[in-house]
Amino acid sequence: MLCRAALSPLVRSPGWCFVLPPHAIAAISRLYLPCYSQRLRSESVRCWSNIPFITVPLSRAHGKSFAHRSELKHAKRIVVKLGSAVVTRGDECGLALGRLASIVEQVSMLQNQGREMMIVTSGAVAFGKQRLRHEILLSQSVRQALHSGQSQLKDMAIPVLEARACAAAGQSGLMALYEAMFTQYSICAAQVISVKDNDSLAARLAVEMKTDLLIVLSDVEGLFDSPPGSDDAKLIDIFYPGDQQSVTFGTKSRVGMGGMEAKVKAALWALQGGTSVVIANGTHPKISGHVITDIVEGKKVGTFFSEVKPAGPTVEQQAEMARAGGRTLAALQPEQRAEIIYRLADLLTDQREEILLANKKDLEEAENKGRLALPLLKRLSLSTSKLNSLAIGLRQIAASSQDSVGRVIRRTRIAKDLDLEQVTVPIGVLLVIFESRPDCLPQVSALAIASGNGLLLKGGKEAAHSNQILHHLTQEALSIHGVRDAVQLVNTREEVEDLCRLDKLIDLIIPRGSSQLVRNIQKAAKGIPVMGHSEGICHVYVDTDASVEKVTRITRDSKCEYPAACNALETLLIHRDLLRTPLFDQIIDMLRVEQVKIHAGPKFASYLTFSPSEVKSLRTEYGDLECCIEVVDSVQEAVEHIHKYGSSHTDVIITENEKTAEFFLQHVDSACVFWNASTRFSDGYRFGLGAEVGISTSRIHARGPVGIEGLLTTKWLLRGNNHVVSDFSEHGTMKYLHESLPLPQRNAN
């Protein structure tokens, strides 16, 4: 038992962790809250359903609970409640030591960060049951063991063990185990003991200790709208007071006293007292190793209790709306989908003033906060010419989309009266995440509409006003055929990493932004395919047979026309024979005039007495008026350099030698390979696709600028007449034909 004098420093010092085993309420009240001691002796018990819960005054003065998950990272004082199913093994005999070790490690890490951690833990009964069973088996006489026979030794009758006896036997061992584990992280643990169930204990402790967060870990993911494990059960991400009717409680845990209903009652009581609550699974092997730290970081784990109800739908609901809207969109006639896109193109020009006014607000806020570099401000900016170009691109998409969905790409006669077709269909629900580029929204929306896909859009907050009006215009265009919900703009405070976990709702993620954003999404989206490129390390190789005029024009355009673009030149490869020639001097002079900072590759630096700063890495994407110059001995070496240091995005050769050019075009393994043309042509609009959802450097499905075709997959349609496989067996009556059939003529318009 902890003395009263030592209790107060324990909960404030980052070197101490406060561990509360079962039954701690009365002791806390007697030691830490003496003003309630007399009250508790005659305390009445309030009951919700059949679950007792002691009523105490709500005396918090530190404010309300957190309204959003993202705010949980600010929690300083945290209670972690470990249910019996979390602490014990599946056989209910002994502790789950590996799981406990992980929990201790997470709690210790948070404690050493300066947070104040408290644990309400079960486990004494299970630990004591294990100890008592061993004692009983060992106390069996040798004669009893011999009479039972070796094969029956494991089945010896063990008397039913009373829970209180098990708790008494296991309590000291449980606390010794915690103390030993926390000692490994230089943290002292202390205990307080009392006599109530752990759910009400955790809630009361959280309120009375004025904690910011209560984490309740059990053997289920959280609250569900139907019994967990049923086919239609959906995890409730955020639970609000008054939503009890939307929850169906399943059976109680295999161990423990309360069950989920008790946890909800305790959580709502703690929430009323100003403490945020998350109920999550502490037993799942894939997430239990970081469940506590994930919750504190604000990730979407378990069910978060909040008193603030959002005005709009959740992102899960938006994804479901996009799915339903996308299916309706795919079922429209091609002319109807094209009509929607034409209408959106008209709105971009008709509502030009409103769009530019909203964009001006974004630019002013970004400049005032100073959070965007000049290249990103350029991306954020919209203009009349940009809107006109957008409208032209959208009309191109509408014109080319007439036979995109449902197009037959293969026909085969399997047997008589048994014909097979392969047809194009939408992928499903797309999630496009983009930064600082509001013009991306109508482009991607038009491509999704043309391909019949549902769409979730997550734009950067720096373009919030622009994105809002552009999305409104998109929905206005969709409304002419009743498919307004097909395109959704995510405005909630969802982290990108949380969106990437919605593998049951999203079919493809397309990132549009910095290489760091793309890498983060590729890392986070473990269950959803990601189409895009992490870097745009584009090369221009200047061959010995290059034209002076073409070299300077193409190099200037590739590097200087828009240096922040992913298709901008980053490394200029020059044939060794061109060093110290007029052509080389003209290249350097042009770059200096354009104020391009030059970095020297290792081989280039070795040729110069006084060289520019040597490049730190040949795999650098500068995204600014900077580039690397490196020397190669041949076109073959240029190809090898590109394969070693490039990102398979866009690479160019400048030469008048057709044979050399064809070697380069055939051997460079990149999404886009050009001869005597700027890298900046690597773009959906310039390719005649109308627009692009992004540029893909992957080798699966779509590659390069991705337009309508890249947003389609296929399905197989088989039309028969009472056909069964057994008819085609060795002794059957039918034979396979597998004849190719002509494809229907595509719409010339």
Foldseek 3Di string as FASTA:
>chain_A
DDALVPPVVQQQALQAEEEEEPAFVQQCCVRVNVVCNVVVVVFDWDDDPNDTATDDDLDADPDFADFALQCLLVWQEEEEEEFQQLQPDPVLAAGPVVLVLLVLVQQNVSSVVRGGYYYYYYDQQNPLNNVVVVVVLVPDDPVVCVVCDPVCSVVDDDDDDDSVNSNVRRVVVVVVVSQVSNVVSSHGYDYGHRRDFRLSVQLVCCRVVVGREYEYADAAQAFWQEEPPDPPTDAAQEDAPVCVVSTDFDDADPDGDDGRVSNVVSQVSSNVSRYKYFYGYCHPPVPNSCVVVCSSNSARTGYTYRHDDDPDDDVLVLLVLLQVLLVVLLPDALLLLLQLLLQLLVCLLVVVVQLQVLLVVLLVVCVVVVPDDPLLSVQLHDDNVNSNLLSQLSNLQSVPLNQLFFFWPFWWFFFVQKIKTKTKAFQGEEEEEEESHLSLVSQVLSQCSSRSYQYEYEYDPSSVSNNVVSLVSSLVSVPVVDSSSNYHYDPDPHDLLNVLPVLVRHAEYEYHYALVVLVVSVVSNPRHHYFAFSAQAEEEEEDPAFDLVLVLVQLCCQCPVRLQDSLHHAEYEYEPVCPPHPSVVVNVVSLVVSVAQEAEEPQRVVVDPDDGHHDPDLQDRPSHSYHYYYYDHALVVVLVSCVVRNRLAEYEYGHPDPVSQVVNVVRRRHLYYYYSHHSVCQFCVSVSLSHASHAGGDPPQDHTGHGNSSRIDIDMDIGHDPDDCVLPDPPHDIHTDGHIDDGDDDDPD
